[in-house]
C-alpha atoms as a PDB file:
ATOM      1  CA  MET A   1      76.034  46.789  99.996  1.00  0.00           C
ATOM      2  CA  THR A   2      76.739  43.746  97.622  1.00  0.00           C
ATOM      3  CA  ASP A   3      77.928  40.856  99.171  1.00  0.00           C
ATOM      4  CA  SER A   4      80.927  38.926  97.996  1.00  0.00           C
ATOM      5  CA  ASN A   5      81.092  35.391  96.440  1.00  0.00           C
ATOM      6  CA  ALA A   6      80.848  32.960  98.893  1.00  0.00           C
ATOM      7  CA  ALA A   7      83.842  31.711  97.373  1.00  0.00           C
ATOM      8  CA  ASP A   8      85.789  33.945  98.873  1.00  0.00           C
ATOM      9  CA  ARG A   9      84.578  34.041 102.225  1.00  0.00           C
ATOM     10  CA  ARG A  10      86.507  32.515 105.370  1.00  0.00           C
ATOM     11  CA  PRO A  11      84.839  30.288 107.851  1.00  0.00           C
ATOM     12  CA  ASP A  12      84.841  33.173 110.168  1.00  0.00           C
ATOM     13  CA  GLY A  13      82.805  34.820 107.276  1.00  0.00           C
ATOM     14  CA  PHE A  14      85.050  37.619 106.516  1.00  0.00           C
ATOM     15  CA  ARG A  15      85.964  38.241 102.659  1.00  0.00           C
ATOM     16  CA  GLU A  16      89.576  37.204 102.328  1.00  0.00           C
ATOM     17  CA  ARG A  17      91.356  40.215 101.651  1.00  0.00           C
ATOM     18  CA  GLY A  18      95.054  39.552 102.585  1.00  0.00           C
ATOM     19  CA  ARG A  19      95.809  36.949 100.322  1.00  0.00           C
ATOM     20  CA  ASP A  20      99.180  38.158  99.418  1.00  0.00           C
ATOM     21  CA  VAL A  21     101.538  38.481 102.471  1.00  0.00           C
ATOM     22  CA  THR A  22     103.112  41.138 102.340  1.00  0.00           C
ATOM     23  CA  ARG A  23     107.021  42.292 103.643  1.00  0.00           C
ATOM     24  CA  VAL A  24     105.645  43.310 106.996  1.00  0.00           C
ATOM     25  CA  GLU A  25     103.225  40.379 107.877  1.00  0.00           C
ATOM     26  CA  ALA A  26     106.284  38.146 106.887  1.00  0.00           C
ATOM     27  CA  PHE A  27     108.702  40.477 109.326  1.00  0.00           C
ATOM     28  CA  VAL A  28     106.309  39.915 111.615  1.00  0.00           C
ATOM     29  CA  ASP A  29     105.905  36.404 111.391  1.00  0.00           C
ATOM     30  CA  ALA A  30     109.651  36.183 111.329  1.00  0.00           C
ATOM     31  CA  SER A  31     109.855  38.101 114.417  1.00  0.00           C
ATOM     32  CA  PHE A  32     107.151  36.053 116.262  1.00  0.00           C
ATOM     33  CA  ALA A  33     109.371  32.871 115.211  1.00  0.00           C
ATOM     34  CA  PHE A  34     112.194  34.191 116.552  1.00  0.00           C
ATOM     35  CA  ALA A  35     110.911  35.226 119.896  1.00  0.00           C
ATOM     36  CA  VAL A  36     109.911  31.494 120.298  1.00  0.00           C
ATOM     37  CA  THR A  37     113.749  31.148 119.718  1.00  0.00           C
ATOM     38  CA  LEU A  38     114.469  33.360 122.297  1.00  0.00           C
ATOM     39  CA  LEU A  39     112.471  30.805 125.116  1.00  0.00           C
ATOM     40  CA  VAL A  40     114.614  28.110 123.707  1.00  0.00           C
ATOM     41  CA  ILE A  41     117.788  29.721 124.416  1.00  0.00           C
ATOM     42  CA  SER A  42     116.856  31.285 127.631  1.00  0.00           C
ATOM     43  CA  LEU A  43     117.146  27.650 128.618  1.00  0.00           C
ATOM     44  CA  ASP A  44     120.598  27.778 129.244  1.00  0.00           C
ATOM     45  CA  GLY A  45     122.372  25.926 126.707  1.00  0.00           C
ATOM     46  CA  MET A  46     122.353  21.662 126.046  1.00  0.00           C
ATOM     47  CA  PRO A  47     122.130  19.863 128.764  1.00  0.00           C
ATOM     48  CA  ALA A  48     125.642  17.999 129.787  1.00  0.00           C
ATOM     49  CA  ASP A  49     124.655  14.909 131.257  1.00  0.00           C
ATOM     50  CA  VAL A  50     121.253  12.720 132.153  1.00  0.00           C
ATOM     51  CA  PRO A  51     120.356  14.470 135.142  1.00  0.00           C
ATOM     52  CA  GLU A  52     120.391  18.143 133.234  1.00  0.00           C
ATOM     53  CA  LEU A  53     118.246  16.469 130.686  1.00  0.00           C
ATOM     54  CA  GLU A  54     115.640  15.438 133.389  1.00  0.00           C
ATOM     55  CA  ASP A  55     115.808  19.344 134.458  1.00  0.00           C
ATOM     56  CA  ALA A  56     115.480  20.577 131.211  1.00  0.00           C
ATOM     57  CA  LEU A  57     112.586  18.241 130.202  1.00  0.00           C
ATOM     58  CA  LYS A  58     110.838  19.410 133.103  1.00  0.00           C
ATOM     59  CA  ARG A  59     110.806  22.273 131.880  1.00  0.00           C
ATOM     60  CA  ILE A  60     108.493  21.893 128.978  1.00  0.00           C
ATOM     61  CA  PRO A  61     105.706  22.887 130.668  1.00  0.00           C
ATOM     62  CA  SER A  62     106.535  26.545 130.937  1.00  0.00           C
ATOM     63  CA  PHE A  63     107.948  26.720 127.834  1.00  0.00           C
ATOM     64  CA  ALA A  64     104.729  25.095 126.065  1.00  0.00           C
ATOM     65  CA  ALA A  65     102.593  27.541 128.029  1.00  0.00           C
ATOM     66  CA  SER A  66     105.094  30.408 127.013  1.00  0.00           C
ATOM     67  CA  PHE A  67     104.411  29.236 123.315  1.00  0.00           C
ATOM     68  CA  MET A  68     101.194  29.180 123.654  1.00  0.00           C
ATOM     69  CA  LEU A  69     100.698  32.616 124.301  1.00  0.00           C
ATOM     70  CA  LEU A  70     103.063  33.549 121.812  1.00  0.00           C
ATOM     71  CA  VAL A  71     101.032  32.085 119.424  1.00  0.00           C
ATOM     72  CA  TYR A  72      97.820  33.727 120.842  1.00  0.00           C
ATOM     73  CA  PHE A  73      99.287  36.667 119.623  1.00  0.00           C
ATOM     74  CA  TRP A  74     100.902  35.812 116.368  1.00  0.00           C
ATOM     75  CA  PHE A  75      97.294  34.018 115.361  1.00  0.00           C
ATOM     76  CA  ALA A  76      95.482  37.488 116.117  1.00  0.00           C
ATOM     77  CA  HIS A  77      97.821  39.808 114.246  1.00  0.00           C
ATOM     78  CA  HIS A  78      97.558  36.724 111.185  1.00  0.00           C
ATOM     79  CA  THR A  79      93.912  36.642 111.600  1.00  0.00           C
ATOM     80  CA  TRP A  80      93.459  40.508 111.543  1.00  0.00           C
ATOM     81  CA  SER A  81      96.220  40.271 108.191  1.00  0.00           C
ATOM     82  CA  ARG A  82      93.815  37.645 106.017  1.00  0.00           C
ATOM     83  CA  ARG A  83      90.394  39.278 107.052  1.00  0.00           C
ATOM     84  CA  TYR A  84      91.761  42.843 106.319  1.00  0.00           C
ATOM     85  CA  GLY A  85      94.489  43.369 104.015  1.00  0.00           C
ATOM     86  CA  LEU A  86      95.304  46.490 105.263  1.00  0.00           C
ATOM     87  CA  ASN A  87      99.376  48.115 104.331  1.00  0.00           C
ATOM     88  CA  ASP A  88      98.384  51.350 105.131  1.00  0.00           C
ATOM     89  CA  ALA A  89     101.184  53.419 107.347  1.00  0.00           C
ATOM     90  CA  GLY A  90      98.995  53.522 110.602  1.00  0.00           C
ATOM     91  CA  SER A  91      98.603  49.227 109.973  1.00  0.00           C
ATOM     92  CA  VAL A  92     102.368  49.382 109.045  1.00  0.00           C
ATOM     93  CA  TYR A  93     103.437  51.367 112.407  1.00  0.00           C
ATOM     94  CA  LEU A  94     101.103  49.113 114.893  1.00  0.00           C
ATOM     95  CA  SER A  95     102.724  45.896 113.280  1.00  0.00           C
ATOM     96  CA  LEU A  96     106.137  47.072 114.224  1.00  0.00           C
ATOM     97  CA  LEU A  97     104.678  48.301 117.901  1.00  0.00           C
ATOM     98  CA  LEU A  98     103.113  44.916 118.290  1.00  0.00           C
ATOM     99  CA  VAL A  99     107.095  42.859 117.282  1.00  0.00           C
ATOM    100  CA  PHE A 100     109.040  45.113 119.600  1.00  0.00           C
ATOM    101  CA  LEU A 101     106.192  44.422 122.684  1.00  0.00           C
ATOM    102  CA  VAL A 102     106.476  40.921 121.873  1.00  0.00           C
ATOM    103  CA  LEU A 103     109.834  41.049 122.202  1.00  0.00           C
ATOM    104  CA  VAL A 104     110.117  42.731 125.729  1.00  0.00           C
ATOM    105  CA  TRP A 105     107.453  40.483 126.822  1.00  0.00           C
ATOM    106  CA  VAL A 106     109.455  36.844 126.153  1.00  0.00           C
ATOM    107  CA  TYR A 107     111.425  36.727 129.212  1.00  0.00           C
ATOM    108  CA  PRO A 108     109.179  38.181 131.814  1.00  0.00           C
ATOM    109  CA  LEU A 109     106.292  35.825 129.986  1.00  0.00           C
ATOM    110  CA  ARG A 110     108.837  32.793 130.646  1.00  0.00           C
ATOM    111  CA  VAL A 111     110.280  33.257 133.682  1.00  0.00           C
ATOM    112  CA  LEU A 112     106.197  33.873 135.584  1.00  0.00           C
ATOM    113  CA  PHE A 113     105.237  30.507 133.698  1.00  0.00           C
ATOM    114  CA  GLY A 114     108.750  29.240 135.217  1.00  0.00           C
ATOM    115  CA  VAL A 115     107.662  30.668 138.635  1.00  0.00           C
ATOM    116  CA  ALA A 116     104.230  29.059 138.284  1.00  0.00           C
ATOM    117  CA  VAL A 117     104.709  26.062 137.078  1.00  0.00           C
ATOM    118  CA  GLY A 118     107.772  25.326 139.406  1.00  0.00           C
ATOM    119  CA  TRP A 119     105.227  26.464 142.826  1.00  0.00           C
ATOM    120  CA  PHE A 120     102.623  24.180 141.323  1.00  0.00           C
ATOM    121  CA  SER A 121     104.423  20.682 140.936  1.00  0.00           C
ATOM    122  CA  GLN A 122     106.001  21.630 144.541  1.00  0.00           C
ATOM    123  CA  ILE A 123     102.023  21.767 145.962  1.00  0.00           C
ATOM    124  CA  ALA A 124     100.550  19.215 144.157  1.00  0.00           C
ATOM    125  CA  LEU A 125     103.327  16.532 142.639  1.00  0.00           C
ATOM    126  CA  PRO A 126     105.560  14.131 144.188  1.00  0.00           C
ATOM    127  CA  GLN A 127     109.000  15.438 145.381  1.00  0.00           C
ATOM    128  CA  GLU A 128     111.086  13.616 142.581  1.00  0.00           C
ATOM    129  CA  TRP A 129     108.534  15.368 139.785  1.00  0.00           C
ATOM    130  CA  HIS A 130     109.365  18.961 141.054  1.00  0.00           C
ATOM    131  CA  ILE A 131     110.248  21.154 138.965  1.00  0.00           C
ATOM    132  CA  PRO A 132     113.337  23.417 140.032  1.00  0.00           C
ATOM    133  CA  LEU A 133     112.941  27.586 140.167  1.00  0.00           C
ATOM    134  CA  HIS A 134     115.653  29.089 137.924  1.00  0.00           C
ATOM    135  CA  PHE A 135     114.612  32.302 139.124  1.00  0.00           C
ATOM    136  CA  GLU A 136     114.447  33.328 142.321  1.00  0.00           C
ATOM    137  CA  PHE A 137     112.772  36.584 143.908  1.00  0.00           C
ATOM    138  CA  GLY A 138     114.713  38.008 146.545  1.00  0.00           C
ATOM    139  CA  SER A 139     111.365  40.354 148.144  1.00  0.00           C
ATOM    140  CA  PHE A 140     108.147  40.682 147.878  1.00  0.00           C
ATOM    141  CA  ALA A 141     109.165  43.681 146.240  1.00  0.00           C
ATOM    142  CA  ASP A 142     111.004  41.807 143.184  1.00  0.00           C
ATOM    143  CA  LEU A 143     107.246  39.528 142.728  1.00  0.00           C
ATOM    144  CA  ARG A 144     105.440  42.900 142.553  1.00  0.00           C
ATOM    145  CA  PHE A 145     107.909  44.290 139.936  1.00  0.00           C
ATOM    146  CA  MET A 146     107.823  41.342 137.917  1.00  0.00           C
ATOM    147  CA  PHE A 147     103.908  40.854 137.781  1.00  0.00           C
ATOM    148  CA  LEU A 148     103.933  44.986 136.879  1.00  0.00           C
ATOM    149  CA  VAL A 149     106.309  44.511 134.419  1.00  0.00           C
ATOM    150  CA  TYR A 150     104.068  41.615 132.889  1.00  0.00           C
ATOM    151  CA  GLY A 151     100.427  43.099 133.283  1.00  0.00           C
ATOM    152  CA  MET A 152     102.151  46.371 131.299  1.00  0.00           C
ATOM    153  CA  ALA A 153     103.502  44.250 128.601  1.00  0.00           C
ATOM    154  CA  TRP A 154     100.280  41.859 128.261  1.00  0.00           C
ATOM    155  CA  SER A 155      98.104  45.085 128.610  1.00  0.00           C
ATOM    156  CA  SER A 156     100.397  46.886 125.765  1.00  0.00           C
ATOM    157  CA  LEU A 157      99.721  43.740 123.172  1.00  0.00           C
ATOM    158  CA  GLY A 158      96.524  43.771 123.387  1.00  0.00           C
ATOM    159  CA  ILE A 159      95.859  47.281 122.971  1.00  0.00           C
ATOM    160  CA  VAL A 160      97.752  47.347 120.129  1.00  0.00           C
ATOM    161  CA  VAL A 161      95.856  44.528 118.505  1.00  0.00           C
ATOM    162  CA  ALA A 162      92.715  46.411 119.342  1.00  0.00           C
ATOM    163  CA  LEU A 163      93.886  49.389 117.617  1.00  0.00           C
ATOM    164  CA  LEU A 164      94.672  47.347 114.518  1.00  0.00           C
ATOM    165  CA  TYR A 165      90.994  46.384 114.310  1.00  0.00           C
ATOM    166  CA  ARG A 166      89.981  49.952 115.381  1.00  0.00           C
ATOM    167  CA  GLN A 167      92.438  50.872 112.261  1.00  0.00           C
ATOM    168  CA  ALA A 168      89.963  48.301 110.127  1.00  0.00           C
ATOM    169  CA  TRP A 169      87.037  49.805 111.583  1.00  0.00           C
ATOM    170  CA  LYS A 170      87.812  53.435 110.075  1.00  0.00           C
ATOM    171  CA  GLN A 171      88.350  52.008 106.739  1.00  0.00           C
ATOM    172  CA  ARG A 172      85.117  49.915 107.048  1.00  0.00           C
ATOM    173  CA  ASP A 173      83.616  51.915 103.662  1.00  0.00           C
ATOM    174  CA  ALA A 174      86.583  51.619 101.835  1.00  0.00           C
ATOM    175  CA  LEU A 175      86.872  47.711 102.631  1.00  0.00           C
ATOM    176  CA  ARG A 176      83.251  47.164 102.264  1.00  0.00           C
ATOM    177  CA  LEU A 177      82.645  45.269 105.416  1.00  0.00           C
ATOM    178  CA  ASN A 178      78.782  43.878 105.178  1.00  0.00           C
ATOM    179  CA  ARG A 179      77.017  43.751 108.185  1.00  0.00           C
ATOM    180  CA  THR A 180      78.685  40.531 109.795  1.00  0.00           C
ATOM    181  CA  GLU A 181      82.107  41.575 109.319  1.00  0.00           C
ATOM    182  CA  ARG A 182      81.141  45.123 111.050  1.00  0.00           C
ATOM    183  CA  LEU A 183      79.881  43.419 114.249  1.00  0.00           C
ATOM    184  CA  ALA A 184      82.590  40.865 114.132  1.00  0.00           C
ATOM    185  CA  THR A 185      85.020  43.840 113.724  1.00  0.00           C
ATOM    186  CA  ARG A 186      83.124  45.936 116.429  1.00  0.00           C
ATOM    187  CA  ALA A 187      83.571  42.788 118.917  1.00  0.00           C
ATOM    188  CA  GLU A 188      87.054  42.333 117.687  1.00  0.00           C
ATOM    189  CA  ILE A 189      87.887  45.537 119.347  1.00  0.00           C
ATOM    190  CA  ALA A 190      85.866  44.772 122.658  1.00  0.00           C
ATOM    191  CA  ARG A 191      87.582  41.334 122.773  1.00  0.00           C
ATOM    192  CA  TRP A 192      91.334  42.504 122.694  1.00  0.00           C
ATOM    193  CA  MET A 193      90.376  46.082 124.638  1.00  0.00           C
ATOM    194  CA  TRP A 194      89.338  42.749 127.618  1.00  0.00           C
ATOM    195  CA  VAL A 195      93.344  42.047 127.403  1.00  0.00           C
ATOM    196  CA  PRO A 196      94.546  45.280 129.263  1.00  0.00           C
ATOM    197  CA  VAL A 197      91.460  44.994 131.840  1.00  0.00           C
ATOM    198  CA  THR A 198      92.762  41.590 133.121  1.00  0.00           C
ATOM    199  CA  GLY A 199      96.127  43.198 132.997  1.00  0.00           C
ATOM    200  CA  ALA A 200      94.889  46.120 135.316  1.00  0.00           C
ATOM    201  CA  ILE A 201      93.088  43.690 137.569  1.00  0.00           C
ATOM    202  CA  SER A 202      96.165  41.727 138.135  1.00  0.00           C
ATOM    203  CA  VAL A 203      98.040  45.227 138.583  1.00  0.00           C
ATOM    204  CA  ALA A 204      96.207  46.418 141.007  1.00  0.00           C
ATOM    205  CA  ILE A 205      96.294  42.791 143.123  1.00  0.00           C
ATOM    206  CA  VAL A 206      99.783  43.438 143.705  1.00  0.00           C
ATOM    207  CA  PHE A 207      99.871  46.906 145.070  1.00  0.00           C
ATOM    208  CA  LEU A 208      96.627  45.265 147.296  1.00  0.00           C
ATOM    209  CA  ILE A 209      98.326  42.080 149.003  1.00  0.00           C
ATOM    210  CA  PRO A 210      99.850  43.181 152.183  1.00  0.00           C
ATOM    211  CA  LYS A 211     103.351  42.512 152.496  1.00  0.00           C
ATOM    212  CA  GLY A 212     104.179  39.739 154.967  1.00  0.00           C
ATOM    213  CA  GLY A 213     101.201  38.309 154.236  1.00  0.00           C
ATOM    214  CA  PRO A 214     100.032  34.253 153.908  1.00  0.00           C
ATOM    215  CA  ASN A 215     102.493  32.963 150.765  1.00  0.00           C
ATOM    216  CA  TRP A 216      99.423  31.498 148.594  1.00  0.00           C
ATOM    217  CA  LEU A 217      98.251  35.221 148.334  1.00  0.00           C
ATOM    218  CA  ALA A 218     101.326  35.685 146.100  1.00  0.00           C
ATOM    219  CA  GLY A 219      99.922  33.711 143.162  1.00  0.00           C
ATOM    220  CA  LEU A 220      96.711  36.046 142.907  1.00  0.00           C
ATOM    221  CA  PRO A 221      97.733  38.655 140.606  1.00  0.00           C
ATOM    222  CA  GLY A 222      98.157  35.771 138.187  1.00  0.00           C
ATOM    223  CA  LEU A 223      94.996  34.069 139.195  1.00  0.00           C
ATOM    224  CA  ALA A 224      93.086  37.835 137.856  1.00  0.00           C
ATOM    225  CA  TYR A 225      94.406  36.715 134.305  1.00  0.00           C
ATOM    226  CA  ALA A 226      91.441  33.450 134.751  1.00  0.00           C
ATOM    227  CA  ALA A 227      89.069  36.515 133.768  1.00  0.00           C
ATOM    228  CA  MET A 228      90.074  35.976 130.180  1.00  0.00           C
ATOM    229  CA  ALA A 229      87.282  33.238 130.500  1.00  0.00           C
ATOM    230  CA  LEU A 230      84.602  36.457 130.176  1.00  0.00           C
ATOM    231  CA  THR A 231      85.973  37.005 126.470  1.00  0.00           C
ATOM    232  CA  GLY A 232      82.975  35.386 124.650  1.00  0.00           C
ATOM    233  CA  PRO A 233      80.079  37.439 126.912  1.00  0.00           C
ATOM    234  CA  VAL A 234      82.216  40.827 126.334  1.00  0.00           C
ATOM    235  CA  MET A 235      82.330  40.237 122.374  1.00  0.00           C
ATOM    236  CA  LYS A 236      78.472  39.297 122.481  1.00  0.00           C
ATOM    237  CA  ILE A 237      77.818  42.599 124.701  1.00  0.00           C
ATOM    238  CA  SER A 238      79.653  44.230 122.076  1.00  0.00           C
ATOM    239  CA  GLU A 239      77.410  42.882 119.322  1.00  0.00           C
ATOM    240  CA  ARG A 240      74.809  43.663 121.219  1.00  0.00           C
ATOM    241  CA  ARG A 241      74.983  47.371 121.440  1.00  0.00           C
ATOM    242  CA  TRP A 242      76.466  48.187 118.415  1.00  0.00           C
ATOM    243  CA  GLN A 243      73.896  46.220 116.028  1.00  0.00           C
ATOM    244  CA  ALA A 244      71.342  49.114 115.260  1.00  0.00           C
ATOM    245  CA  ARG A 245      74.262  51.205 114.561  1.00  0.00           C
ATOM    246  CA  VAL A 246      75.757  48.902 112.386  1.00  0.00           C
ATOM    247  CA  ASP A 247      72.204  48.062 110.514  1.00  0.00           C
ATOM    248  CA  ALA A 248      72.092  51.635 109.946  1.00  0.00           C
ATOM    249  CA  GLU A 249      75.145  52.164 108.266  1.00  0.00           C
ATOM    250  CA  THR A 250      74.826  48.919 106.237  1.00  0.00           C
ATOM    251  CA  ASN A 251      71.601  50.177 104.950  1.00  0.00           C
ATOM    252  CA  GLY A 252      72.675  53.397 103.952  1.00  0.00           C
ATOM    253  CA  ILE A 253      75.790  52.006 101.490  1.00  0.00           C
END
């Protein structure tokens, strides 16, 4: 297999196959921008006085956290597009599904981060810096439902990105992926499949928490997402697992 000119290589070692922005990619970019707009619009309008402005400024941390997670999935699609430049029917449908799920995910995302930041501020900060909770849970069942919705949306997004990389893997010969690119593609599939694993752990914890237990237990489903810190080792394990097979495929080209 002949390697491409080094000038065509991205910093991550992939050849730049998606140089032209397709209509689908432009639509995905616009949809993510709209999702960010929904985060802002959901802040209940412009402040009418200084106290309302102070209240709005206190909500910046939850907005920032929500924004960063949206960027996380947008950048995943952007990177995938630049690496492979695929525009087949399967890739288009998966990209549109990603957009749909992001728009569904926006409100649970903002609600949970708003509650989490407000809860943390009331524990760790002086009273004058407490961030008000603008979403009240009437019962433990309400909290369970919200974590369930968030976990399902988070998991679905990870699965869709993994399927996009799977789509590229199925076309590895047509794309003429070299050994490095093939190993990285398999690692990316493992990376994004780890996302629904963390979501499943969170959902499982929700149903394991005893009703009427201490208040601090309510935050455990959210802490499950700290398992995303293990993404690097998961990718390394995948690379080692596929190394022999990828070498055999590459040598056969």
